[in-house]
Protein backbone atom coordinates (compact mmCIF):
# COMPACT_ATOMS: atom_id res chain seq x y z
CA MET A 1 -10.07 42.79 14.84
CA GLY A 2 -8.76 42.36 18.22
CA ARG A 3 -11.34 44.00 19.97
CA VAL A 4 -14.45 42.26 17.98
CA LEU A 5 -12.73 38.49 18.53
CA ILE A 6 -12.26 39.27 22.42
CA THR A 7 -16.02 40.89 22.37
CA ALA A 8 -17.23 37.58 20.33
CA GLY A 9 -14.88 35.34 23.09
CA ILE A 10 -16.83 37.19 26.16
CA LEU A 11 -20.56 36.73 24.46
CA ILE A 12 -19.46 32.88 23.57
CA LEU A 13 -18.14 32.31 27.39
CA LEU A 14 -21.63 34.43 28.62
CA PHE A 15 -23.83 32.30 26.48
CA VAL A 16 -22.46 29.42 27.93
CA THR A 17 -22.86 30.66 31.51
CA TYR A 18 -26.66 31.15 30.69
CA GLN A 19 -26.80 27.55 29.76
CA LEU A 20 -25.38 26.00 32.70
CA TRP A 21 -26.80 28.44 34.96
CA GLY A 22 -29.36 30.74 33.86
CA THR A 23 -31.77 27.94 32.16
CA GLY A 24 -31.63 26.92 35.94
CA ILE A 25 -33.51 30.35 36.85
CA LEU A 26 -36.37 29.65 34.67
CA GLU A 27 -36.79 25.95 35.42
CA ALA A 28 -36.74 26.79 38.98
CA ARG A 29 -39.42 29.51 38.48
CA ALA A 30 -41.47 26.80 36.46
CA GLN A 31 -41.08 24.61 39.74
CA SER A 32 -42.06 26.92 42.32
CA GLU A 33 -45.49 27.16 40.42
CA LEU A 34 -46.15 23.46 39.57
CA ARG A 35 -44.89 22.68 42.91
CA ASP A 36 -48.19 24.99 44.29
CA ASP A 37 -50.09 23.36 41.51
CA PHE A 38 -49.25 20.14 42.92
CA GLU A 39 -50.00 20.75 46.20
CA ASP A 40 -53.58 22.20 45.21
CA GLN A 41 -54.24 18.38 43.78
CA LEU A 42 -52.91 16.84 47.01
CA GLN A 43 -55.04 19.06 49.28
CA GLN A 44 -58.00 18.60 47.07
CA THR A 45 -57.97 14.39 47.04
CA SER A 46 -57.23 14.54 50.63
CA SER A 47 -60.31 16.75 51.01
CA THR A 48 -62.31 14.29 48.95
CA THR A 49 -60.91 11.09 50.93
CA ASP A 50 -61.99 12.41 53.96
CA ASP A 51 -65.56 13.51 52.69
CA GLU A 52 -66.29 10.13 51.85
CA THR A 53 -67.81 7.55 53.87
CA PRO A 54 -64.89 5.61 55.69
CA THR A 55 -64.10 2.33 54.61
CA PRO A 56 -62.24 -0.90 55.57
CA THR A 57 -58.79 -0.13 55.16
CA THR A 58 -57.08 -1.62 51.53
CA THR A 59 -53.51 -1.88 50.25
CA THR A 60 -54.26 0.05 46.91
CA THR A 61 -55.68 3.24 46.22
CA PRO A 62 -57.78 4.87 42.97
CA ALA A 63 -55.72 5.24 39.99
CA PRO A 64 -54.53 8.61 39.38
CA VAL A 65 -55.93 10.96 36.04
CA ILE A 66 -53.06 11.85 34.15
CA PRO A 67 -52.89 15.29 33.37
CA PRO A 68 -52.05 17.43 30.30
CA ASP A 69 -48.92 17.88 28.90
CA GLY A 70 -46.22 19.91 30.74
CA GLU A 71 -48.57 19.81 33.99
CA ALA A 72 -47.26 18.34 37.44
CA VAL A 73 -47.89 14.62 37.61
CA ALA A 74 -45.46 13.72 40.68
CA ILE A 75 -42.73 14.55 43.13
CA ILE A 76 -39.23 12.36 42.64
CA ARG A 77 -37.02 12.45 45.58
CA ILE A 78 -33.63 11.01 45.77
CA PRO A 79 -32.13 11.63 49.19
CA LYS A 80 -28.21 10.23 48.54
CA ILE A 81 -28.08 13.24 45.44
CA GLY A 82 -30.64 15.89 46.82
CA VAL A 83 -33.01 15.73 44.30
CA ASP A 84 -36.53 16.79 44.98
CA LYS A 85 -37.85 17.69 41.92
CA VAL A 86 -41.64 18.03 40.25
CA VAL A 87 -42.69 16.04 37.64
CA VAL A 88 -43.94 17.02 34.36
CA GLU A 89 -46.33 15.01 32.17
CA GLY A 90 -44.33 14.89 28.99
CA THR A 91 -40.74 14.69 27.70
CA THR A 92 -40.89 17.03 24.90
CA VAL A 93 -38.36 19.95 24.61
CA THR A 94 -40.86 22.41 26.47
CA ASP A 95 -41.70 19.98 29.13
CA LEU A 96 -38.53 18.96 30.26
CA ARG A 97 -37.40 22.90 30.63
CA LYS A 98 -40.06 22.89 33.67
CA GLY A 99 -38.34 19.93 35.00
CA PRO A 100 -38.38 15.90 34.67
CA GLY A 101 -40.68 14.08 32.58
CA HIS A 102 -42.64 11.63 32.57
CA TYR A 103 -42.86 9.08 29.53
CA ALA A 104 -45.88 9.15 27.95
CA GLY A 105 -47.21 5.74 27.40
CA THR A 106 -45.80 4.35 30.55
CA PRO A 107 -47.39 3.68 33.65
CA LEU A 108 -47.04 6.43 36.87
CA PRO A 109 -45.12 5.68 39.64
CA GLY A 110 -47.30 3.10 42.19
CA GLN A 111 -48.69 1.33 39.14
CA ILE A 112 -47.40 -2.48 37.76
CA GLY A 113 -45.28 -1.98 34.99
CA ASN A 114 -42.32 0.06 33.84
CA ALA A 115 -42.75 3.90 35.31
CA ALA A 116 -40.43 6.53 33.03
CA ILE A 117 -38.90 9.50 33.60
CA ALA A 118 -36.31 11.80 31.92
CA GLY A 119 -34.29 15.06 32.91
CA HIS A 120 -31.48 17.36 31.90
CA ARG A 121 -28.01 16.55 33.56
CA THR A 122 -26.36 19.89 33.04
CA THR A 123 -28.96 22.67 31.75
CA TYR A 124 -32.18 23.63 33.15
CA GLY A 125 -31.52 22.92 36.95
CA ALA A 126 -29.65 19.20 36.00
CA PRO A 127 -32.35 17.71 38.15
CA PHE A 128 -30.55 14.15 37.19
CA GLY A 129 -27.37 15.74 36.68
CA ASN A 130 -25.39 13.17 39.71
CA LEU A 131 -27.69 10.36 39.00
CA ASP A 132 -24.40 8.44 37.90
CA GLN A 133 -23.60 8.51 41.82
CA LEU A 134 -26.50 6.19 42.76
CA ALA A 135 -25.92 2.34 43.14
CA GLU A 136 -27.52 -1.07 44.45
CA GLY A 137 -30.13 -0.27 47.32
CA ASP A 138 -30.38 3.48 46.81
CA LEU A 139 -33.72 5.12 47.50
CA ILE A 140 -35.96 6.66 45.11
CA THR A 141 -39.22 8.31 46.18
CA VAL A 142 -41.98 9.08 43.92
CA GLU A 143 -45.20 11.39 45.37
CA THR A 144 -48.09 10.78 43.06
CA VAL A 145 -51.75 11.76 44.26
CA SER A 146 -52.54 8.23 45.33
CA GLY A 147 -49.49 8.49 47.64
CA SER A 148 -45.72 7.73 48.21
CA PHE A 149 -43.53 4.92 46.79
CA ASP A 150 -40.48 4.16 47.51
CA TYR A 151 -38.08 2.50 44.97
CA ARG A 152 -34.63 1.07 45.22
CA VAL A 153 -31.80 0.75 42.14
CA MET A 154 -31.61 -2.60 41.31
CA ARG A 155 -28.19 -4.69 41.35
CA ASP A 156 -26.31 -3.24 37.87
CA GLY A 157 -28.93 -0.74 37.72
CA VAL A 158 -26.93 1.94 36.63
CA PHE A 159 -25.70 1.76 32.72
CA ALA A 160 -25.54 3.72 29.87
CA VAL A 161 -26.76 3.01 26.41
CA LYS A 162 -27.44 4.42 22.84
CA PRO A 163 -30.86 6.93 22.06
CA SER A 164 -31.61 4.20 20.15
CA GLN A 165 -32.17 1.45 22.99
CA THR A 166 -35.76 1.85 23.60
CA GLU A 167 -35.32 -1.93 25.46
CA VAL A 168 -34.97 0.06 28.74
CA LEU A 169 -38.72 1.12 28.50
CA GLU A 170 -40.34 -1.92 27.56
CA PRO A 171 -43.44 -3.15 30.09
CA THR A 172 -42.72 -4.98 32.76
CA PRO A 173 -46.10 -6.43 33.23
CA SER A 174 -46.05 -8.48 36.37
CA GLU A 175 -43.90 -6.22 38.75
CA ALA A 176 -43.55 -1.94 39.34
CA THR A 177 -40.60 -0.81 38.57
CA LEU A 178 -39.32 2.90 38.01
CA THR A 179 -36.87 4.06 34.99
CA LEU A 180 -34.54 7.15 34.81
CA THR A 181 -32.93 8.63 31.94
CA THR A 182 -30.75 11.64 31.04
CA CYS A 183 -28.09 12.44 28.78
CA ASN A 184 -24.14 10.59 29.02
CA PRO A 185 -21.76 11.81 29.43
CA LYS A 186 -22.33 15.29 31.30
CA TYR A 187 -22.31 18.24 28.17
CA SER A 188 -22.73 15.35 25.70
CA ALA A 189 -25.77 13.85 24.54
CA SER A 190 -24.46 11.01 22.50
CA GLU A 191 -25.67 8.34 24.94
CA ARG A 192 -28.44 7.98 27.66
CA LEU A 193 -27.47 7.13 31.44
CA VAL A 194 -30.22 4.92 32.82
CA VAL A 195 -31.06 3.73 36.50
CA LYS A 196 -33.30 1.10 36.83
CA ALA A 197 -35.22 0.87 40.24
CA GLN A 198 -37.76 -1.91 41.59
CA PHE A 199 -40.79 -1.22 44.00
CA ASP A 200 -39.41 -1.76 47.88
CA LEU A 201 -42.46 -4.31 49.05
CA ARG A 202 -40.75 -3.74 52.65
CA ALA A 203 -41.95 -0.27 52.36
CA ASN A 204 -45.21 0.35 54.51
CA GLN A 205 -46.86 2.00 51.52
CA PRO A 206 -49.91 1.13 49.14
CA GLN A 207 -49.24 -1.71 47.00
CA PRO A 208 -48.78 -1.22 43.40
CA GLN A 209 -51.83 -1.35 40.96
CA ALA A 210 -52.12 -2.20 36.90
CA PRO A 211 -52.89 0.99 35.07
CA PRO A 212 -56.28 2.03 33.58
CA THR A 213 -54.56 1.29 29.79
CA GLU A 214 -52.14 -1.04 28.78
CA SER A 215 -48.73 0.45 28.80
CA ARG A 216 -46.57 0.72 25.92
CA THR A 217 -42.71 1.30 24.91
CA PRO A 218 -41.95 5.00 23.76
CA ASP A 219 -40.52 5.99 20.42
CA ASP A 220 -37.30 6.65 21.69
CA LEU A 221 -35.20 8.06 24.57
CA ASP A 222 -34.29 11.24 22.66
CA ALA A 223 -37.44 12.52 23.93
CA GLY A 224 -36.55 16.29 24.78
CA LEU A 225 -33.13 16.05 25.68
CA SER A 226 -31.29 16.40 22.53
CA GLY A 227 -33.31 19.59 21.87
CA SER A 228 -35.43 20.27 18.57
CA ASP A 229 -34.73 23.12 15.78
CA ALA A 230 -37.03 25.60 16.78
CA SER A 231 -38.24 28.85 14.34
CA LYS A 232 -35.31 30.71 13.56
CA ALA A 233 -36.41 34.20 12.91
CA PRO A 234 -37.07 35.09 16.73
CA THR A 235 -33.58 34.48 17.20
CA VAL A 236 -32.31 36.56 14.14
CA ARG A 237 -34.49 38.82 15.50
CA TRP A 238 -33.21 39.77 18.78
CA GLY A 239 -29.82 39.11 17.37
CA LEU A 240 -30.27 42.44 15.33
CA LEU A 241 -31.90 44.05 18.33
CA VAL A 242 -28.74 43.02 20.34
CA ALA A 243 -26.01 44.52 18.02
CA ILE A 244 -28.30 47.86 17.40
CA VAL A 245 -28.25 48.26 21.15
CA GLY A 246 -24.59 46.75 21.90
CA GLY A 247 -23.44 49.09 18.59
CA LEU A 248 -25.39 52.23 20.47
CA TRP A 249 -23.94 51.43 23.90
CA TRP A 250 -20.44 51.36 22.61
CA LEU A 251 -20.98 54.81 20.48
CA VAL A 252 -22.20 56.94 23.62
CA PHE A 253 -19.19 55.28 25.69
CA HIS A 254 -17.00 56.54 23.30
CA ARG A 255 -18.23 60.21 23.52
CA TYR A 256 -19.00 60.07 27.28
CA GLY A 257 -16.34 57.98 28.49
CA ARG A 258 -17.26 57.72 31.90
CA TRP A 259 -17.95 54.89 34.08
CA THR A 260 -21.75 55.79 34.93
CA THR A 261 -22.04 55.51 31.14
CA TRP A 262 -20.88 52.02 30.97
CA VAL A 263 -23.24 50.89 33.86
CA VAL A 264 -26.32 52.50 32.40
CA GLY A 265 -25.28 50.95 29.02
CA ALA A 266 -25.08 47.62 31.07
CA ILE A 267 -28.25 47.84 32.46
CA VAL A 268 -29.78 48.41 29.06
CA PHE A 269 -28.09 45.79 27.24
CA VAL A 270 -28.13 43.21 29.65
CA PRO A 271 -31.82 41.90 29.32
CA PHE A 272 -31.70 42.49 25.72
CA LEU A 273 -28.79 39.87 25.59
CA PHE A 274 -30.53 37.31 28.01
CA VAL A 275 -33.72 37.14 25.77
CA PHE A 276 -31.52 36.73 22.63
CA TYR A 277 -29.53 33.81 24.72
CA VAL A 278 -33.21 32.45 25.53
CA TYR A 279 -34.37 32.12 21.40
CA LEU A 280 -30.74 31.33 20.43
CA GLU A 281 -30.66 28.38 22.82
CA ARG A 282 -33.69 26.60 21.46
CA VAL A 283 -32.49 26.43 17.87
CA LEU A 284 -29.49 24.52 19.11
CA PRO A 285 -29.53 20.56 18.75
CA SER A 286 -28.77 19.90 22.18
CA ASN A 287 -29.65 20.81 25.87
CA TYR A 288 -27.77 18.19 27.58
């Protein structure tokens, strides 16, 4: 019984390690692919602009086309806390596993209105892990295919709300603002930490323009930040496989008690355990 409890404790600690750092590996892989895609978009936009007949300089740029959910829509940079992440369209559980997500229904950064972006705070690379360190005047830059746009954190612009308080995402029809949301406090999804920023009119950049459609307030702040109940069948199947492989590893090691047997068994066991953790994490209610 003592060995069973110790083994269970080790597996739980390994799962916590996977949630805090292992999910970051998956996010980093997705971010690399998204960044390549977004850079291709920027090059195509630049090539199209270069091919066009020169026209007098204007203060606005063509409105970007909103991509399908899960695809790159912008890059957000927050120098103070070292954020440099590709933003995807959408805030479902699947979207936020790739990086920060743009709330559907809100304007894109660089447009008039309340552009809103959500991101995880402790898992999947924790893109907004240190959002609470921002203060009035801190710079937030968001780059879209229309250009790079600077925002400054407002006075009293960092605060916490309940997930039901969607008023923080309400449209601002007369000005360009940016709202960032994440879980609060760390390792919990009971609240939402909100950062409000305002378009920096002093910066030498394209001026904000009206979005092509009227913006709306998203239904909630929960989005994909609290996870969702996925199918439990794959989790059960992979759990059984892990138990079988682990049992075989234990039997072989006790019959051939050499360090090489233990190492070979671990090499075989770890990939099964990793896949099991991927499915297990998806059926839990919170991703933080």
